[in-house]
Amino acid sequence: MRPLSLPALLFLVLGVLPGLVSAALPRNIPEAAFLVKMAFAQPGKVQVKGKVNGKDVEAVLLLSPGAQIRDIHNRIVLPSHIGGEYIVRMLLDNNGQVHRVWVLTPQEVAASAPTR
């Protein structure tokens, strides 16, 4: 077996390993984030179904002006670039608008705390 060349070794260390390490780390999703089913259909709005502040909610909510949506890889995605229905954790701002959203992986859904 031939030893790795310096460029190949640098690629492995600098290119691949940091991604593997970050993928293995759990995401820091606040405990206060609500576990709901969310559909992205209309620009600037989301359909939410679940328990929010202890009440069953099925409503269309506005995204806040600075809304941040993170996909299953923890990357920020634009609201215009996501569609469909997902199980998410979300935080609302003081105006009741959706401010932070984390699209959950199947493992995160299974491990999530009970809905509020």
PDB file of N, CA and C in Angstrom:
ATOM      1  N   MET A   1       0.844  -1.181   0.000  1.00  0.00           N
ATOM      2  CA  MET A   1       0.000   0.000   0.000  1.00  0.00           C
ATOM      3  C   MET A   1       0.882   1.234   0.000  1.00  0.00           C
ATOM      4  N   ARG A   2       0.549   2.184  -0.814  1.00  0.00           N
ATOM      5  CA  ARG A   2       1.335   3.394  -0.991  1.00  0.00           C
ATOM      6  C   ARG A   2       0.944   4.441   0.046  1.00  0.00           C
ATOM      7  N   PRO A   3       1.891   5.160   0.674  1.00  0.00           N
ATOM      8  CA  PRO A   3       1.540   6.208   1.634  1.00  0.00           C
ATOM      9  C   PRO A   3       0.870   7.383   0.930  1.00  0.00           C
ATOM     10  N   LEU A   4       0.044   8.117   1.681  1.00  0.00           N
ATOM     11  CA  LEU A   4      -0.658   9.272   1.124  1.00  0.00           C
ATOM     12  C   LEU A   4       0.322  10.389   0.803  1.00  0.00           C
ATOM     13  N   SER A   5       0.081  11.073  -0.308  1.00  0.00           N
ATOM     14  CA  SER A   5       0.892  12.236  -0.647  1.00  0.00           C
ATOM     15  C   SER A   5       0.486  13.398   0.247  1.00  0.00           C
ATOM     16  N   LEU A   6       1.336  14.394   0.325  1.00  0.00           N
ATOM     17  CA  LEU A   6       1.051  15.558   1.175  1.00  0.00           C
ATOM     18  C   LEU A   6      -0.247  16.262   0.773  1.00  0.00           C
ATOM     19  N   PRO A   7      -0.495  16.524  -0.522  1.00  0.00           N
ATOM     20  CA  PRO A   7      -1.775  17.158  -0.887  1.00  0.00           C
ATOM     21  C   PRO A   7      -2.991  16.310  -0.503  1.00  0.00           C
ATOM     22  N   ALA A   8      -2.886  15.000  -0.678  1.00  0.00           N
ATOM     23  CA  ALA A   8      -4.008  14.126  -0.314  1.00  0.00           C
ATOM     24  C   ALA A   8      -4.230  14.135   1.186  1.00  0.00           C
ATOM     25  N   LEU A   9      -3.158  14.146   1.945  1.00  0.00           N
ATOM     26  CA  LEU A   9      -3.266  14.181   3.406  1.00  0.00           C
ATOM     27  C   LEU A   9      -3.861  15.500   3.872  1.00  0.00           C
ATOM     28  N   LEU A  10      -3.427  16.614   3.269  1.00  0.00           N
ATOM     29  CA  LEU A  10      -3.990  17.923   3.625  1.00  0.00           C
ATOM     30  C   LEU A  10      -5.472  17.994   3.296  1.00  0.00           C
ATOM     31  N   PHE A  11      -5.859  17.459   2.135  1.00  0.00           N
ATOM     32  CA  PHE A  11      -7.275  17.437   1.775  1.00  0.00           C
ATOM     33  C   PHE A  11      -8.084  16.667   2.806  1.00  0.00           C
ATOM     34  N   LEU A  12      -7.565  15.523   3.208  1.00  0.00           N
ATOM     35  CA  LEU A  12      -8.258  14.699   4.186  1.00  0.00           C
ATOM     36  C   LEU A  12      -8.415  15.434   5.507  1.00  0.00           C
ATOM     37  N   VAL A  13      -7.348  16.038   5.984  1.00  0.00           N
ATOM     38  CA  VAL A  13      -7.380  16.701   7.288  1.00  0.00           C
ATOM     39  C   VAL A  13      -8.181  17.995   7.245  1.00  0.00           C
ATOM     40  N   LEU A  14      -7.946  18.817   6.225  1.00  0.00           N
ATOM     41  CA  LEU A  14      -8.589  20.134   6.174  1.00  0.00           C
ATOM     42  C   LEU A  14      -9.963  20.121   5.510  1.00  0.00           C
ATOM     43  N   GLY A  15     -10.217  19.144   4.655  1.00  0.00           N
ATOM     44  CA  GLY A  15     -11.466  19.149   3.925  1.00  0.00           C
ATOM     45  C   GLY A  15     -12.533  18.224   4.445  1.00  0.00           C
ATOM     46  N   VAL A  16     -12.166  17.040   4.822  1.00  0.00           N
ATOM     47  CA  VAL A  16     -13.159  16.027   5.164  1.00  0.00           C
ATOM     48  C   VAL A  16     -13.414  15.931   6.665  1.00  0.00           C
ATOM     49  N   LEU A  17     -12.371  15.888   7.440  1.00  0.00           N
ATOM     50  CA  LEU A  17     -12.539  15.653   8.878  1.00  0.00           C
ATOM     51  C   LEU A  17     -13.364  16.718   9.602  1.00  0.00           C
ATOM     52  N   PRO A  18     -13.159  18.032   9.333  1.00  0.00           N
ATOM     53  CA  PRO A  18     -14.011  19.007  10.040  1.00  0.00           C
ATOM     54  C   PRO A  18     -15.502  18.811   9.770  1.00  0.00           C
ATOM     55  N   GLY A  19     -15.852  18.438   8.540  1.00  0.00           N
ATOM     56  CA  GLY A  19     -17.252  18.183   8.221  1.00  0.00           C
ATOM     57  C   GLY A  19     -17.803  16.989   8.967  1.00  0.00           C
ATOM     58  N   LEU A  20     -16.997  15.950   9.109  1.00  0.00           N
ATOM     59  CA  LEU A  20     -17.431  14.773   9.844  1.00  0.00           C
ATOM     60  C   LEU A  20     -17.601  15.080  11.326  1.00  0.00           C
ATOM     61  N   VAL A  21     -16.697  15.876  11.876  1.00  0.00           N
ATOM     62  CA  VAL A  21     -16.787  16.235  13.290  1.00  0.00           C
ATOM     63  C   VAL A  21     -18.026  17.073  13.549  1.00  0.00           C
ATOM     64  N   SER A  22     -18.283  18.078  12.695  1.00  0.00           N
ATOM     65  CA  SER A  22     -19.452  18.935  12.918  1.00  0.00           C
ATOM     66  C   SER A  22     -20.746  18.167  12.701  1.00  0.00           C
ATOM     67  N   ALA A  23     -20.759  17.192  11.809  1.00  0.00           N
ATOM     68  CA  ALA A  23     -21.956  16.395  11.572  1.00  0.00           C
ATOM     69  C   ALA A  23     -22.280  15.517  12.769  1.00  0.00           C
ATOM     70  N   ALA A  24     -21.276  15.174  13.541  1.00  0.00           N
ATOM     71  CA  ALA A  24     -21.497  14.300  14.690  1.00  0.00           C
ATOM     72  C   ALA A  24     -21.970  15.062  15.922  1.00  0.00           C
ATOM     73  N   LEU A  25     -21.832  16.377  15.921  1.00  0.00           N
ATOM     74  CA  LEU A  25     -22.233  17.176  17.077  1.00  0.00           C
ATOM     75  C   LEU A  25     -23.736  17.414  17.073  1.00  0.00           C
ATOM     76  N   PRO A  26     -24.374  17.322  18.230  1.00  0.00           N
ATOM     77  CA  PRO A  26     -25.811  17.616  18.276  1.00  0.00           C
ATOM     78  C   PRO A  26     -26.053  19.112  18.104  1.00  0.00           C
ATOM     79  N   ARG A  27     -27.184  19.438  17.525  1.00  0.00           N
ATOM     80  CA  ARG A  27     -27.525  20.851  17.342  1.00  0.00           C
ATOM     81  C   ARG A  27     -28.008  21.431  18.652  1.00  0.00           C
ATOM     82  N   ASN A  28     -27.767  22.701  18.833  1.00  0.00           N
ATOM     83  CA  ASN A  28     -28.185  23.404  20.036  1.00  0.00           C
ATOM     84  C   ASN A  28     -29.557  24.041  19.788  1.00  0.00           C
ATOM     85  N   ILE A  29     -30.599  23.250  19.981  1.00  0.00           N
ATOM     86  CA  ILE A  29     -31.970  23.737  19.804  1.00  0.00           C
ATOM     87  C   ILE A  29     -32.518  24.051  21.190  1.00  0.00           C
ATOM     88  N   PRO A  30     -32.987  25.285  21.421  1.00  0.00           N
ATOM     89  CA  PRO A  30     -33.476  25.650  22.753  1.00  0.00           C
ATOM     90  C   PRO A  30     -34.634  24.772  23.218  1.00  0.00           C
ATOM     91  N   GLU A  31     -34.645  24.470  24.497  1.00  0.00           N
ATOM     92  CA  GLU A  31     -35.737  23.673  25.082  1.00  0.00           C
ATOM     93  C   GLU A  31     -37.090  24.366  24.910  1.00  0.00           C
ATOM     94  N   ALA A  32     -37.087  25.693  24.833  1.00  0.00           N
ATOM     95  CA  ALA A  32     -38.330  26.449  24.701  1.00  0.00           C
ATOM     96  C   ALA A  32     -38.940  26.340  23.302  1.00  0.00           C
ATOM     97  N   ALA A  33     -38.211  25.775  22.349  1.00  0.00           N
ATOM     98  CA  ALA A  33     -38.725  25.659  20.982  1.00  0.00           C
ATOM     99  C   ALA A  33     -39.844  24.625  20.930  1.00  0.00           C
ATOM    100  N   PHE A  34     -40.924  24.982  20.279  1.00  0.00           N
ATOM    101  CA  PHE A  34     -42.102  24.122  20.177  1.00  0.00           C
ATOM    102  C   PHE A  34     -41.913  23.076  19.082  1.00  0.00           C
ATOM    103  N   LEU A  35     -42.354  21.858  19.342  1.00  0.00           N
ATOM    104  CA  LEU A  35     -42.321  20.777  18.363  1.00  0.00           C
ATOM    105  C   LEU A  35     -43.656  20.783  17.620  1.00  0.00           C
ATOM    106  N   VAL A  36     -43.607  21.096  16.314  1.00  0.00           N
ATOM    107  CA  VAL A  36     -44.828  21.206  15.519  1.00  0.00           C
ATOM    108  C   VAL A  36     -44.594  20.639  14.120  1.00  0.00           C
ATOM    109  N   LYS A  37     -45.683  20.454  13.391  1.00  0.00           N
ATOM    110  CA  LYS A  37     -45.623  20.120  11.974  1.00  0.00           C
ATOM    111  C   LYS A  37     -45.797  21.443  11.229  1.00  0.00           C
ATOM    112  N   MET A  38     -44.881  21.722  10.298  1.00  0.00           N
ATOM    113  CA  MET A  38     -44.906  23.006   9.601  1.00  0.00           C
ATOM    114  C   MET A  38     -44.873  22.775   8.095  1.00  0.00           C
ATOM    115  N   ALA A  39     -45.714  23.522   7.388  1.00  0.00           N
ATOM    116  CA  ALA A  39     -45.738  23.472   5.927  1.00  0.00           C
ATOM    117  C   ALA A  39     -45.350  24.843   5.390  1.00  0.00           C
ATOM    118  N   PHE A  40     -44.428  24.833   4.439  1.00  0.00           N
ATOM    119  CA  PHE A  40     -43.991  26.057   3.772  1.00  0.00           C
ATOM    120  C   PHE A  40     -44.693  26.101   2.428  1.00  0.00           C
ATOM    121  N   ALA A  41     -45.680  26.959   2.290  1.00  0.00           N
ATOM    122  CA  ALA A  41     -46.438  26.990   1.049  1.00  0.00           C
ATOM    123  C   ALA A  41     -46.511  28.394   0.457  1.00  0.00           C
ATOM    124  N   GLN A  42     -46.808  29.379   1.288  1.00  0.00           N
ATOM    125  CA  GLN A  42     -46.982  30.753   0.819  1.00  0.00           C
ATOM    126  C   GLN A  42     -45.764  31.590   1.194  1.00  0.00           C
ATOM    127  N   PRO A  43     -45.373  32.540   0.356  1.00  0.00           N
ATOM    128  CA  PRO A  43     -44.241  33.401   0.703  1.00  0.00           C
ATOM    129  C   PRO A  43     -44.511  34.178   1.999  1.00  0.00           C
ATOM    130  N   GLY A  44     -43.585  34.096   2.939  1.00  0.00           N
ATOM    131  CA  GLY A  44     -43.696  34.845   4.188  1.00  0.00           C
ATOM    132  C   GLY A  44     -44.626  34.250   5.219  1.00  0.00           C
ATOM    133  N   LYS A  45     -45.206  33.074   4.916  1.00  0.00           N
ATOM    134  CA  LYS A  45     -46.157  32.447   5.836  1.00  0.00           C
ATOM    135  C   LYS A  45     -45.871  30.954   5.945  1.00  0.00           C
ATOM    136  N   VAL A  46     -46.256  30.383   7.082  1.00  0.00           N
ATOM    137  CA  VAL A  46     -46.148  28.941   7.286  1.00  0.00           C
ATOM    138  C   VAL A  46     -47.431  28.429   7.924  1.00  0.00           C
ATOM    139  N   GLN A  47     -47.800  27.205   7.581  1.00  0.00           N
ATOM    140  CA  GLN A  47     -48.939  26.531   8.199  1.00  0.00           C
ATOM    141  C   GLN A  47     -48.391  25.696   9.348  1.00  0.00           C
ATOM    142  N   VAL A  48     -48.895  25.921  10.557  1.00  0.00           N
ATOM    143  CA  VAL A  48     -48.389  25.240  11.747  1.00  0.00           C
ATOM    144  C   VAL A  48     -49.502  24.411  12.368  1.00  0.00           C
ATOM    145  N   LYS A  49     -49.138  23.175  12.777  1.00  0.00           N
ATOM    146  CA  LYS A  49     -50.085  22.312  13.460  1.00  0.00           C
ATOM    147  C   LYS A  49     -49.358  21.640  14.618  1.00  0.00           C
ATOM    148  N   GLY A  50     -49.854  21.861  15.834  1.00  0.00           N
ATOM    149  CA  GLY A  50     -49.237  21.278  17.019  1.00  0.00           C
ATOM    150  C   GLY A  50     -49.609  22.064  18.256  1.00  0.00           C
ATOM    151  N   LYS A  51     -48.872  21.819  19.336  1.00  0.00           N
ATOM    152  CA  LYS A  51     -49.129  22.532  20.588  1.00  0.00           C
ATOM    153  C   LYS A  51     -48.170  23.701  20.710  1.00  0.00           C
ATOM    154  N   VAL A  52     -48.740  24.892  20.894  1.00  0.00           N
ATOM    155  CA  VAL A  52     -47.963  26.110  21.086  1.00  0.00           C
ATOM    156  C   VAL A  52     -48.487  26.789  22.339  1.00  0.00           C
ATOM    157  N   ASN A  53     -47.602  27.020  23.283  1.00  0.00           N
ATOM    158  CA  ASN A  53     -47.982  27.612  24.569  1.00  0.00           C
ATOM    159  C   ASN A  53     -49.110  26.835  25.245  1.00  0.00           C
ATOM    160  N   GLY A  54     -49.054  25.512  25.132  1.00  0.00           N
ATOM    161  CA  GLY A  54     -50.018  24.654  25.799  1.00  0.00           C
ATOM    162  C   GLY A  54     -51.358  24.517  25.096  1.00  0.00           C
ATOM    163  N   LYS A  55     -51.517  25.150  23.944  1.00  0.00           N
ATOM    164  CA  LYS A  55     -52.786  25.090  23.213  1.00  0.00           C
ATOM    165  C   LYS A  55     -52.577  24.390  21.879  1.00  0.00           C
ATOM    166  N   ASP A  56     -53.581  23.579  21.483  1.00  0.00           N
ATOM    167  CA  ASP A  56     -53.541  22.985  20.149  1.00  0.00           C
ATOM    168  C   ASP A  56     -53.757  24.093  19.130  1.00  0.00           C
ATOM    169  N   VAL A  57     -52.852  24.179  18.184  1.00  0.00           N
ATOM    170  CA  VAL A  57     -52.906  25.254  17.187  1.00  0.00           C
ATOM    171  C   VAL A  57     -52.857  24.638  15.795  1.00  0.00           C
ATOM    172  N   GLU A  58     -53.701  25.127  14.934  1.00  0.00           N
ATOM    173  CA  GLU A  58     -53.635  24.836  13.507  1.00  0.00           C
ATOM    174  C   GLU A  58     -53.925  26.153  12.819  1.00  0.00           C
ATOM    175  N   ALA A  59     -52.859  26.829  12.402  1.00  0.00           N
ATOM    176  CA  ALA A  59     -53.013  28.189  11.901  1.00  0.00           C
ATOM    177  C   ALA A  59     -51.912  28.538  10.913  1.00  0.00           C
ATOM    178  N   VAL A  60     -52.156  29.589  10.166  1.00  0.00           N
ATOM    179  CA  VAL A  60     -51.143  30.177   9.298  1.00  0.00           C
ATOM    180  C   VAL A  60     -50.475  31.287  10.102  1.00  0.00           C
ATOM    181  N   LEU A  61     -49.149  31.212  10.223  1.00  0.00           N
ATOM    182  CA  LEU A  61     -48.392  32.215  10.961  1.00  0.00           C
ATOM    183  C   LEU A  61     -47.446  32.939  10.017  1.00  0.00           C
ATOM    184  N   LEU A  62     -47.164  34.185  10.344  1.00  0.00           N
ATOM    185  CA  LEU A  62     -46.211  34.972   9.563  1.00  0.00           C
ATOM    186  C   LEU A  62     -44.791  34.660  10.006  1.00  0.00           C
ATOM    187  N   LEU A  63     -43.861  34.713   9.066  1.00  0.00           N
ATOM    188  CA  LEU A  63     -42.448  34.645   9.402  1.00  0.00           C
ATOM    189  C   LEU A  63     -42.009  36.046   9.814  1.00  0.00           C
ATOM    190  N   SER A  64     -41.188  36.147  10.837  1.00  0.00           N
ATOM    191  CA  SER A  64     -40.683  37.452  11.260  1.00  0.00           C
ATOM    192  C   SER A  64     -39.746  37.992  10.186  1.00  0.00           C
ATOM    193  N   PRO A  65     -39.506  39.319  10.180  1.00  0.00           N
ATOM    194  CA  PRO A  65     -38.606  39.889   9.167  1.00  0.00           C
ATOM    195  C   PRO A  65     -37.205  39.260   9.177  1.00  0.00           C
ATOM    196  N   GLY A  66     -36.719  38.850  10.323  1.00  0.00           N
ATOM    197  CA  GLY A  66     -35.398  38.231  10.411  1.00  0.00           C
ATOM    198  C   GLY A  66     -35.455  36.735  10.636  1.00  0.00           C
ATOM    199  N   ALA A  67     -36.511  36.089  10.164  1.00  0.00           N
ATOM    200  CA  ALA A  67     -36.694  34.650  10.405  1.00  0.00           C
ATOM    201  C   ALA A  67     -35.497  33.862   9.896  1.00  0.00           C
ATOM    202  N   GLN A  68     -35.133  32.850  10.674  1.00  0.00           N
ATOM    203  CA  GLN A  68     -33.998  31.996  10.327  1.00  0.00           C
ATOM    204  C   GLN A  68     -34.481  30.550  10.312  1.00  0.00           C
ATOM    205  N   ILE A  69     -34.299  29.885   9.186  1.00  0.00           N
ATOM    206  CA  ILE A  69     -34.704  28.492   9.033  1.00  0.00           C
ATOM    207  C   ILE A  69     -33.447  27.665   8.819  1.00  0.00           C
ATOM    208  N   ARG A  70     -33.283  26.626   9.640  1.00  0.00           N
ATOM    209  CA  ARG A  70     -32.122  25.741   9.513  1.00  0.00           C
ATOM    210  C   ARG A  70     -32.594  24.372   9.040  1.00  0.00           C
ATOM    211  N   ASP A  71     -31.912  23.837   8.033  1.00  0.00           N
ATOM    212  CA  ASP A  71     -32.277  22.521   7.500  1.00  0.00           C
ATOM    213  C   ASP A  71     -31.690  21.411   8.371  1.00  0.00           C
ATOM    214  N   ILE A  72     -31.826  20.168   7.936  1.00  0.00           N
ATOM    215  CA  ILE A  72     -31.365  19.034   8.754  1.00  0.00           C
ATOM    216  C   ILE A  72     -29.851  19.003   8.897  1.00  0.00           C
ATOM    217  N   HIS A  73     -29.145  19.744   8.046  1.00  0.00           N
ATOM    218  CA  HIS A  73     -27.683  19.824   8.133  1.00  0.00           C
ATOM    219  C   HIS A  73     -27.242  21.079   8.881  1.00  0.00           C
ATOM    220  N   ASN A  74     -28.201  21.781   9.483  1.00  0.00           N
ATOM    221  CA  ASN A  74     -27.980  22.997  10.270  1.00  0.00           C
ATOM    222  C   ASN A  74     -27.543  24.177   9.407  1.00  0.00           C
ATOM    223  N   ARG A  75     -27.821  24.122   8.127  1.00  0.00           N
ATOM    224  CA  ARG A  75     -27.524  25.238   7.227  1.00  0.00           C
ATOM    225  C   ARG A  75     -28.729  26.166   7.201  1.00  0.00           C
ATOM    226  N   ILE A  76     -28.465  27.455   7.117  1.00  0.00           N
ATOM    227  CA  ILE A  76     -29.549  28.430   7.001  1.00  0.00           C
ATOM    228  C   ILE A  76     -30.068  28.394   5.566  1.00  0.00           C
ATOM    229  N   VAL A  77     -31.384  28.269   5.435  1.00  0.00           N
ATOM    230  CA  VAL A  77     -32.005  28.261   4.108  1.00  0.00           C
ATOM    231  C   VAL A  77     -33.001  29.409   4.027  1.00  0.00           C
ATOM    232  N   LEU A  78     -33.141  29.957   2.843  1.00  0.00           N
ATOM    233  CA  LEU A  78     -34.102  31.032   2.626  1.00  0.00           C
ATOM    234  C   LEU A  78     -35.517  30.456   2.595  1.00  0.00           C
ATOM    235  N   PRO A  79     -36.484  31.199   3.124  1.00  0.00           N
ATOM    236  CA  PRO A  79     -37.865  30.706   3.083  1.00  0.00           C
ATOM    237  C   PRO A  79     -38.338  30.391   1.661  1.00  0.00           C
ATOM    238  N   SER A  80     -37.824  31.114   0.680  1.00  0.00           N
ATOM    239  CA  SER A  80     -38.233  30.868  -0.703  1.00  0.00           C
ATOM    240  C   SER A  80     -37.610  29.596  -1.284  1.00  0.00           C
ATOM    241  N   HIS A  81     -36.631  29.010  -0.580  1.00  0.00           N
ATOM    242  CA  HIS A  81     -35.949  27.821  -1.082  1.00  0.00           C
ATOM    243  C   HIS A  81     -36.338  26.547  -0.338  1.00  0.00           C
ATOM    244  N   ILE A  82     -37.391  26.614   0.426  1.00  0.00           N
ATOM    245  CA  ILE A  82     -37.850  25.421   1.136  1.00  0.00           C
ATOM    246  C   ILE A  82     -39.345  25.275   0.884  1.00  0.00           C
ATOM    247  N   GLY A  83     -39.768  24.074   0.653  1.00  0.00           N
ATOM    248  CA  GLY A  83     -41.181  23.819   0.415  1.00  0.00           C
ATOM    249  C   GLY A  83     -41.546  22.468   0.999  1.00  0.00           C
ATOM    250  N   GLY A  84     -42.819  22.244   1.169  1.00  0.00           N
ATOM    251  CA  GLY A  84     -43.259  20.972   1.707  1.00  0.00           C
ATOM    252  C   GLY A  84     -43.592  21.058   3.176  1.00  0.00           C
ATOM    253  N   GLU A  85     -43.761  19.875   3.780  1.00  0.00           N
ATOM    254  CA  GLU A  85     -44.177  19.773   5.182  1.00  0.00           C
ATOM    255  C   GLU A  85     -43.109  19.036   5.975  1.00  0.00           C
ATOM    256  N   TYR A  86     -42.794  19.555   7.171  1.00  0.00           N
ATOM    257  CA  TYR A  86     -41.723  18.999   7.996  1.00  0.00           C
ATOM    258  C   TYR A  86     -42.130  18.995   9.463  1.00  0.00           C
ATOM    259  N   ILE A  87     -41.483  18.133  10.233  1.00  0.00           N
ATOM    260  CA  ILE A  87     -41.561  18.216  11.693  1.00  0.00           C
ATOM    261  C   ILE A  87     -40.412  19.131  12.096  1.00  0.00           C
ATOM    262  N   VAL A  88     -40.726  20.180  12.851  1.00  0.00           N
ATOM    263  CA  VAL A  88     -39.729  21.194  13.193  1.00  0.00           C
ATOM    264  C   VAL A  88     -39.832  21.557  14.671  1.00  0.00           C
ATOM    265  N   ARG A  89     -38.816  22.245  15.142  1.00  0.00           N
ATOM    266  CA  ARG A  89     -38.876  22.960  16.408  1.00  0.00           C
ATOM    267  C   ARG A  89     -38.841  24.423  16.023  1.00  0.00           C
ATOM    268  N   MET A  90     -39.651  25.248  16.670  1.00  0.00           N
ATOM    269  CA  MET A  90     -39.712  26.662  16.303  1.00  0.00           C
ATOM    270  C   MET A  90     -39.806  27.545  17.533  1.00  0.00           C
ATOM    271  N   LEU A  91     -39.318  28.757  17.370  1.00  0.00           N
ATOM    272  CA  LEU A  91     -39.454  29.801  18.380  1.00  0.00           C
ATOM    273  C   LEU A  91     -40.232  30.953  17.772  1.00  0.00           C
ATOM    274  N   LEU A  92     -41.061  31.580  18.586  1.00  0.00           N
ATOM    275  CA  LEU A  92     -41.818  32.750  18.157  1.00  0.00           C
ATOM    276  C   LEU A  92     -41.164  34.006  18.724  1.00  0.00           C
ATOM    277  N   ASP A  93     -41.344  35.126  18.031  1.00  0.00           N
ATOM    278  CA  ASP A  93     -40.859  36.390  18.579  1.00  0.00           C
ATOM    279  C   ASP A  93     -41.945  37.016  19.448  1.00  0.00           C
ATOM    280  N   ASN A  94     -41.706  38.221  19.940  1.00  0.00           N
ATOM    281  CA  ASN A  94     -42.667  38.888  20.832  1.00  0.00           C
ATOM    282  C   ASN A  94     -43.970  39.249  20.143  1.00  0.00           C
ATOM    283  N   ASN A  95     -43.986  39.273  18.813  1.00  0.00           N
ATOM    284  CA  ASN A  95     -45.206  39.588  18.062  1.00  0.00           C
ATOM    285  C   ASN A  95     -45.980  38.342  17.651  1.00  0.00           C
ATOM    286  N   GLY A  96     -45.510  37.166  18.071  1.00  0.00           N
ATOM    287  CA  GLY A  96     -46.179  35.922  17.706  1.00  0.00           C
ATOM    288  C   GLY A  96     -45.823  35.430  16.316  1.00  0.00           C
ATOM    289  N   GLN A  97     -44.778  36.004  15.723  1.00  0.00           N
ATOM    290  CA  GLN A  97     -44.334  35.566  14.406  1.00  0.00           C
ATOM    291  C   GLN A  97     -43.238  34.509  14.564  1.00  0.00           C
ATOM    292  N   VAL A  98     -43.141  33.618  13.580  1.00  0.00           N
ATOM    293  CA  VAL A  98     -42.139  32.560  13.608  1.00  0.00           C
ATOM    294  C   VAL A  98     -40.770  33.198  13.369  1.00  0.00           C
ATOM    295  N   HIS A  99     -39.867  33.023  14.340  1.00  0.00           N
ATOM    296  CA  HIS A  99     -38.570  33.692  14.286  1.00  0.00           C
ATOM    297  C   HIS A  99     -37.410  32.736  14.014  1.00  0.00           C
ATOM    298  N   ARG A 100     -37.425  31.539  14.594  1.00  0.00           N
ATOM    299  CA  ARG A 100     -36.380  30.544  14.393  1.00  0.00           C
ATOM    300  C   ARG A 100     -37.033  29.191  14.137  1.00  0.00           C
ATOM    301  N   VAL A 101     -36.502  28.443  13.153  1.00  0.00           N
ATOM    302  CA  VAL A 101     -37.043  27.129  12.802  1.00  0.00           C
ATOM    303  C   VAL A 101     -35.863  26.173  12.602  1.00  0.00           C
ATOM    304  N   TRP A 102     -35.990  24.986  13.175  1.00  0.00           N
ATOM    305  CA  TRP A 102     -35.029  23.910  12.960  1.00  0.00           C
ATOM    306  C   TRP A 102     -35.791  22.730  12.371  1.00  0.00           C
ATOM    307  N   VAL A 103     -35.514  22.389  11.109  1.00  0.00           N
ATOM    308  CA  VAL A 103     -36.110  21.202  10.494  1.00  0.00           C
ATOM    309  C   VAL A 103     -35.397  20.003  11.113  1.00  0.00           C
ATOM    310  N   LEU A 104     -36.176  19.067  11.658  1.00  0.00           N
ATOM    311  CA  LEU A 104     -35.604  17.953  12.418  1.00  0.00           C
ATOM    312  C   LEU A 104     -35.324  16.733  11.553  1.00  0.00           C
ATOM    313  N   THR A 105     -34.263  16.026  11.919  1.00  0.00           N
ATOM    314  CA  THR A 105     -33.964  14.730  11.318  1.00  0.00           C
ATOM    315  C   THR A 105     -34.877  13.702  11.980  1.00  0.00           C
ATOM    316  N   PRO A 106     -35.040  12.520  11.388  1.00  0.00           N
ATOM    317  CA  PRO A 106     -35.858  11.484  12.045  1.00  0.00           C
ATOM    318  C   PRO A 106     -35.347  11.134  13.449  1.00  0.00           C
ATOM    319  N   GLN A 107     -34.026  11.160  13.638  1.00  0.00           N
ATOM    320  CA  GLN A 107     -33.458  10.869  14.954  1.00  0.00           C
ATOM    321  C   GLN A 107     -33.821  11.963  15.960  1.00  0.00           C
ATOM    322  N   GLU A 108     -33.813  13.226  15.519  1.00  0.00           N
ATOM    323  CA  GLU A 108     -34.175  14.324  16.414  1.00  0.00           C
ATOM    324  C   GLU A 108     -35.655  14.301  16.755  1.00  0.00           C
ATOM    325  N   VAL A 109     -36.490  13.890  15.809  1.00  0.00           N
ATOM    326  CA  VAL A 109     -37.924  13.762  16.087  1.00  0.00           C
ATOM    327  C   VAL A 109     -38.145  12.712  17.157  1.00  0.00           C
ATOM    328  N   ALA A 110     -37.475  11.568  17.019  1.00  0.00           N
ATOM    329  CA  ALA A 110     -37.631  10.479  17.980  1.00  0.00           C
ATOM    330  C   ALA A 110     -37.129  10.881  19.362  1.00  0.00           C
ATOM    331  N   ALA A 111     -36.095  11.689  19.413  1.00  0.00           N
ATOM    332  CA  ALA A 111     -35.490  12.074  20.697  1.00  0.00           C
ATOM    333  C   ALA A 111     -36.085  13.348  21.278  1.00  0.00           C
ATOM    334  N   SER A 112     -36.981  14.005  20.548  1.00  0.00           N
ATOM    335  CA  SER A 112     -37.516  15.293  21.014  1.00  0.00           C
ATOM    336  C   SER A 112     -38.347  15.143  22.269  1.00  0.00           C
ATOM    337  N   ALA A 113     -38.315  16.214  23.049  1.00  0.00           N
ATOM    338  CA  ALA A 113     -39.140  16.276  24.258  1.00  0.00           C
ATOM    339  C   ALA A 113     -40.600  16.270  23.850  1.00  0.00           C
ATOM    340  N   PRO A 114     -41.490  15.886  24.765  1.00  0.00           N
ATOM    341  CA  PRO A 114     -42.929  15.934  24.449  1.00  0.00           C
ATOM    342  C   PRO A 114     -43.346  17.337  24.047  1.00  0.00           C
ATOM    343  N   THR A 115     -44.347  17.429  23.182  1.00  0.00           N
ATOM    344  CA  THR A 115     -44.828  18.744  22.765  1.00  0.00           C
ATOM    345  C   THR A 115     -45.430  19.477  23.940  1.00  0.00           C
ATOM    346  N   ARG A 116     -45.426  20.784  23.864  1.00  0.00           N
ATOM    347  CA  ARG A 116     -45.973  21.623  24.936  1.00  0.00           C
ATOM    348  C   ARG A 116     -47.404  21.941  24.663  1.00  0.00           C
TER     349      ARG A 116
END
